Amino acid sequence: MIGPTALVPLVDDLLHHLAAGDVDQAAHVLDQVAEHGDAADMYGLCVAVAESGRDALLALSTAPDTLRGHFLGLDAEAARPDPHRLFAARFLTAYICDDREMTTALYSAAHTAGDPARTESVCALLAQVSGLHRRAAFPTTSLERT
């Protein structure tokens, strides 16, 4: 167990590298949490990443339609062939909708699946949020997916 005191700076580093597009450094921090942390630490990391994704969504020039649960770039149907991308879309959507029971259940399912599924699901969440940060930083006039 890493614990909250040591986890917070690691998550801050991860989010910094994620927003900067530095995939190698983000992966290094993720490896540290995976190697030294437990399920609670990794869940905390996922929640922090989802919060960062929510912030990126709010920064988009085209506001997401939160009333229908439709968030730009979070198409669960398009992710369906890839269970890890589906986890990322569902986890982020559940977090944004303030459904903590669902985020806990989704992470629990990924954790129970073991590695490599758990790691691939967390990486898909990181990739999803990284894409949202890129879209927020470099807005386009079209609604093309990243």
C-alpha atoms as a PDB file:
ATOM      1  CA  MET A   1       0.000   0.000   0.000  1.00  0.00           C
ATOM      2  CA  ILE A   2       1.280   3.422  -0.945  1.00  0.00           C
ATOM      3  CA  GLY A   3      -1.285   5.433   1.005  1.00  0.00           C
ATOM      4  CA  PRO A   4      -2.756   8.857   0.306  1.00  0.00           C
ATOM      5  CA  THR A   5       0.246  10.885   1.464  1.00  0.00           C
ATOM      6  CA  ALA A   6       2.635   9.245  -1.000  1.00  0.00           C
ATOM      7  CA  LEU A   7       0.011   8.662  -3.708  1.00  0.00           C
ATOM      8  CA  VAL A   8      -0.974  12.315  -4.178  1.00  0.00           C
ATOM      9  CA  PRO A   9       2.425  13.476  -5.550  1.00  0.00           C
ATOM     10  CA  LEU A  10       2.605  10.399  -7.802  1.00  0.00           C
ATOM     11  CA  VAL A  11      -0.850  11.125  -9.215  1.00  0.00           C
ATOM     12  CA  ASP A  12       0.087  14.796  -9.655  1.00  0.00           C
ATOM     13  CA  ASP A  13       3.163  13.704 -11.626  1.00  0.00           C
ATOM     14  CA  LEU A  14       1.091  11.275 -13.687  1.00  0.00           C
ATOM     15  CA  LEU A  15      -1.491  13.943 -14.548  1.00  0.00           C
ATOM     16  CA  HIS A  16       1.247  16.439 -15.409  1.00  0.00           C
ATOM     17  CA  HIS A  17       2.889  13.948 -17.791  1.00  0.00           C
ATOM     18  CA  LEU A  18      -0.496  12.968 -19.194  1.00  0.00           C
ATOM     19  CA  ALA A  19      -1.464  16.574 -19.939  1.00  0.00           C
ATOM     20  CA  ALA A  20       1.963  17.203 -21.481  1.00  0.00           C
ATOM     21  CA  GLY A  21       1.592  14.146 -23.712  1.00  0.00           C
ATOM     22  CA  ASP A  22       4.660  12.477 -22.184  1.00  0.00           C
ATOM     23  CA  VAL A  23       3.451   8.887 -22.408  1.00  0.00           C
ATOM     24  CA  ASP A  24       6.734   7.305 -21.300  1.00  0.00           C
ATOM     25  CA  GLN A  25       6.902   9.268 -18.052  1.00  0.00           C
ATOM     26  CA  ALA A  26       3.196   8.701 -17.376  1.00  0.00           C
ATOM     27  CA  ALA A  27       3.747   4.961 -17.879  1.00  0.00           C
ATOM     28  CA  HIS A  28       6.715   5.075 -15.483  1.00  0.00           C
ATOM     29  CA  VAL A  29       4.566   6.642 -12.739  1.00  0.00           C
ATOM     30  CA  LEU A  30       1.763   4.165 -13.432  1.00  0.00           C
ATOM     31  CA  ASP A  31       4.274   1.319 -13.084  1.00  0.00           C
ATOM     32  CA  GLN A  32       5.343   2.683  -9.700  1.00  0.00           C
ATOM     33  CA  VAL A  33       1.764   2.728  -8.441  1.00  0.00           C
ATOM     34  CA  ALA A  34       1.060  -0.729  -9.868  1.00  0.00           C
ATOM     35  CA  GLU A  35       4.240  -2.173  -8.346  1.00  0.00           C
ATOM     36  CA  HIS A  36       4.000  -0.637  -4.875  1.00  0.00           C
ATOM     37  CA  GLY A  37       0.302   0.095  -4.493  1.00  0.00           C
ATOM     38  CA  ASP A  38      -2.760  -1.955  -3.774  1.00  0.00           C
ATOM     39  CA  ALA A  39      -6.283  -1.943  -5.218  1.00  0.00           C
ATOM     40  CA  ALA A  40      -7.260   1.141  -3.194  1.00  0.00           C
ATOM     41  CA  ASP A  41      -4.248   3.066  -4.481  1.00  0.00           C
ATOM     42  CA  MET A  42      -5.006   2.176  -8.089  1.00  0.00           C
ATOM     43  CA  TYR A  43      -8.683   3.051  -7.644  1.00  0.00           C
ATOM     44  CA  GLY A  44      -7.605   6.419  -6.213  1.00  0.00           C
ATOM     45  CA  LEU A  45      -5.410   6.948  -9.260  1.00  0.00           C
ATOM     46  CA  CYS A  46      -8.343   6.133 -11.577  1.00  0.00           C
ATOM     47  CA  VAL A  47     -10.606   8.581  -9.734  1.00  0.00           C
ATOM     48  CA  ALA A  48      -7.989  11.340  -9.951  1.00  0.00           C
ATOM     49  CA  VAL A  49      -7.543  10.666 -13.667  1.00  0.00           C
ATOM     50  CA  ALA A  50     -11.333  10.737 -14.159  1.00  0.00           C
ATOM     51  CA  GLU A  51     -11.512  14.075 -12.310  1.00  0.00           C
ATOM     52  CA  SER A  52      -8.851  15.416 -14.662  1.00  0.00           C
ATOM     53  CA  GLY A  53     -10.903  14.106 -17.595  1.00  0.00           C
ATOM     54  CA  ARG A  54     -13.984  15.885 -16.266  1.00  0.00           C
ATOM     55  CA  ASP A  55     -12.004  19.123 -16.086  1.00  0.00           C
ATOM     56  CA  ALA A  56     -10.811  18.637 -19.672  1.00  0.00           C
ATOM     57  CA  LEU A  57     -14.381  18.038 -20.841  1.00  0.00           C
ATOM     58  CA  LEU A  58     -15.535  21.225 -19.167  1.00  0.00           C
ATOM     59  CA  ALA A  59     -12.748  23.117 -20.953  1.00  0.00           C
ATOM     60  CA  LEU A  60     -13.928  21.979 -24.401  1.00  0.00           C
ATOM     61  CA  SER A  61     -15.405  24.750 -26.494  1.00  0.00           C
ATOM     62  CA  THR A  62     -18.420  22.570 -27.289  1.00  0.00           C
ATOM     63  CA  ALA A  63     -20.089  21.744 -23.996  1.00  0.00           C
ATOM     64  CA  PRO A  64     -21.074  18.101 -23.516  1.00  0.00           C
ATOM     65  CA  ASP A  65     -24.744  17.267 -23.152  1.00  0.00           C
ATOM     66  CA  THR A  66     -24.711  16.054 -19.565  1.00  0.00           C
ATOM     67  CA  LEU A  67     -28.469  15.713 -19.343  1.00  0.00           C
ATOM     68  CA  ARG A  68     -28.519  12.747 -21.711  1.00  0.00           C
ATOM     69  CA  GLY A  69     -25.237  11.318 -20.446  1.00  0.00           C
ATOM     70  CA  HIS A  70     -23.606  11.906 -23.826  1.00  0.00           C
ATOM     71  CA  PHE A  71     -20.035  13.092 -23.537  1.00  0.00           C
ATOM     72  CA  LEU A  72     -17.960  13.966 -26.569  1.00  0.00           C
ATOM     73  CA  GLY A  73     -15.450  11.249 -27.275  1.00  0.00           C
ATOM     74  CA  LEU A  74     -16.988   8.757 -24.840  1.00  0.00           C
ATOM     75  CA  ASP A  75     -18.910   6.493 -27.146  1.00  0.00           C
ATOM     76  CA  ALA A  76     -19.401   3.168 -25.368  1.00  0.00           C
ATOM     77  CA  GLU A  77     -20.838   1.568 -28.520  1.00  0.00           C
ATOM     78  CA  ALA A  78     -17.742   2.407 -30.558  1.00  0.00           C
ATOM     79  CA  ALA A  79     -15.551   1.011 -27.758  1.00  0.00           C
ATOM     80  CA  ARG A  80     -17.549  -2.220 -27.418  1.00  0.00           C
ATOM     81  CA  PRO A  81     -15.124  -4.441 -29.389  1.00  0.00           C
ATOM     82  CA  ASP A  82     -12.348  -3.437 -26.978  1.00  0.00           C
ATOM     83  CA  PRO A  83     -13.270  -4.197 -23.349  1.00  0.00           C
ATOM     84  CA  HIS A  84     -10.529  -1.903 -22.038  1.00  0.00           C
ATOM     85  CA  ARG A  85     -11.766   1.105 -24.013  1.00  0.00           C
ATOM     86  CA  LEU A  86     -15.284   0.218 -22.898  1.00  0.00           C
ATOM     87  CA  PHE A  87     -14.089   0.243 -19.271  1.00  0.00           C
ATOM     88  CA  ALA A  88     -12.533   3.678 -19.817  1.00  0.00           C
ATOM     89  CA  ALA A  89     -15.668   5.146 -21.411  1.00  0.00           C
ATOM     90  CA  ARG A  90     -17.951   3.706 -18.753  1.00  0.00           C
ATOM     91  CA  PHE A  91     -15.701   4.606 -15.804  1.00  0.00           C
ATOM     92  CA  LEU A  92     -15.266   8.183 -16.953  1.00  0.00           C
ATOM     93  CA  THR A  93     -18.964   8.584 -17.731  1.00  0.00           C
ATOM     94  CA  ALA A  94     -19.962   7.109 -14.348  1.00  0.00           C
ATOM     95  CA  TYR A  95     -17.515   9.415 -12.573  1.00  0.00           C
ATOM     96  CA  ILE A  96     -18.765  12.497 -14.406  1.00  0.00           C
ATOM     97  CA  CYS A  97     -22.359  11.518 -13.564  1.00  0.00           C
ATOM     98  CA  ASP A  98     -21.320  11.221  -9.903  1.00  0.00           C
ATOM     99  CA  ASP A  99     -22.182   7.502  -9.829  1.00  0.00           C
ATOM    100  CA  ARG A 100     -19.590   6.307  -7.317  1.00  0.00           C
ATOM    101  CA  GLU A 101     -21.257   2.903  -6.959  1.00  0.00           C
ATOM    102  CA  MET A 102     -20.694   2.307 -10.660  1.00  0.00           C
ATOM    103  CA  THR A 103     -17.089   3.540 -10.655  1.00  0.00           C
ATOM    104  CA  THR A 104     -16.371   1.227  -7.731  1.00  0.00           C
ATOM    105  CA  ALA A 105     -18.085  -1.706  -9.433  1.00  0.00           C
ATOM    106  CA  LEU A 106     -16.272  -1.089 -12.724  1.00  0.00           C
ATOM    107  CA  TYR A 107     -12.886  -0.857 -11.045  1.00  0.00           C
ATOM    108  CA  SER A 108     -13.634  -3.909  -8.924  1.00  0.00           C
ATOM    109  CA  ALA A 109     -14.406  -5.894 -12.085  1.00  0.00           C
ATOM    110  CA  ALA A 110     -11.165  -4.735 -13.721  1.00  0.00           C
ATOM    111  CA  HIS A 111      -9.197  -5.512 -10.566  1.00  0.00           C
ATOM    112  CA  THR A 112     -10.756  -8.959 -10.248  1.00  0.00           C
ATOM    113  CA  ALA A 113      -9.873  -9.705 -13.880  1.00  0.00           C
ATOM    114  CA  GLY A 114      -6.196  -9.418 -12.878  1.00  0.00           C
ATOM    115  CA  ASP A 115      -3.317  -8.479 -15.099  1.00  0.00           C
ATOM    116  CA  PRO A 116      -2.956  -7.751 -17.950  1.00  0.00           C
ATOM    117  CA  ALA A 117      -6.669  -6.797 -18.172  1.00  0.00           C
ATOM    118  CA  ARG A 118      -6.499  -4.465 -15.158  1.00  0.00           C
ATOM    119  CA  THR A 119      -3.430  -2.630 -16.462  1.00  0.00           C
ATOM    120  CA  GLU A 120      -4.841  -2.374 -19.980  1.00  0.00           C
ATOM    121  CA  SER A 121      -8.104  -0.960 -18.628  1.00  0.00           C
ATOM    122  CA  VAL A 122      -6.290   1.687 -16.565  1.00  0.00           C
ATOM    123  CA  CYS A 123      -4.102   2.517 -19.584  1.00  0.00           C
ATOM    124  CA  ALA A 124      -7.232   2.918 -21.719  1.00  0.00           C
ATOM    125  CA  LEU A 125      -8.583   5.373 -19.131  1.00  0.00           C
ATOM    126  CA  LEU A 126      -5.294   7.290 -19.253  1.00  0.00           C
ATOM    127  CA  ALA A 127      -5.432   7.364 -23.055  1.00  0.00           C
ATOM    128  CA  GLN A 128      -9.050   8.564 -23.022  1.00  0.00           C
ATOM    129  CA  VAL A 129      -8.257  11.408 -20.638  1.00  0.00           C
ATOM    130  CA  SER A 130      -5.082  12.286 -22.517  1.00  0.00           C
ATOM    131  CA  GLY A 131      -7.181  12.604 -25.676  1.00  0.00           C
ATOM    132  CA  LEU A 132      -9.643  14.866 -23.868  1.00  0.00           C
ATOM    133  CA  HIS A 133      -6.781  17.090 -22.708  1.00  0.00           C
ATOM    134  CA  ARG A 134      -5.451  17.294 -26.284  1.00  0.00           C
ATOM    135  CA  ARG A 135      -8.906  18.232 -27.562  1.00  0.00           C
ATOM    136  CA  ALA A 136      -9.307  20.876 -24.854  1.00  0.00           C
ATOM    137  CA  ALA A 137      -5.850  22.320 -25.567  1.00  0.00           C
ATOM    138  CA  PHE A 138      -6.183  22.207 -29.373  1.00  0.00           C
ATOM    139  CA  PRO A 139      -9.861  22.679 -30.200  1.00  0.00           C
ATOM    140  CA  THR A 140     -11.066  22.133 -33.742  1.00  0.00           C
ATOM    141  CA  THR A 141     -14.187  23.288 -35.465  1.00  0.00           C
ATOM    142  CA  SER A 142     -15.296  19.749 -36.281  1.00  0.00           C
ATOM    143  CA  LEU A 143     -16.582  17.023 -33.958  1.00  0.00           C
ATOM    144  CA  GLU A 144     -14.083  14.436 -35.196  1.00  0.00           C
ATOM    145  CA  ARG A 145     -12.951  11.858 -32.681  1.00  0.00           C
ATOM    146  CA  THR A 146      -9.380  11.778 -31.457  1.00  0.00           C
END
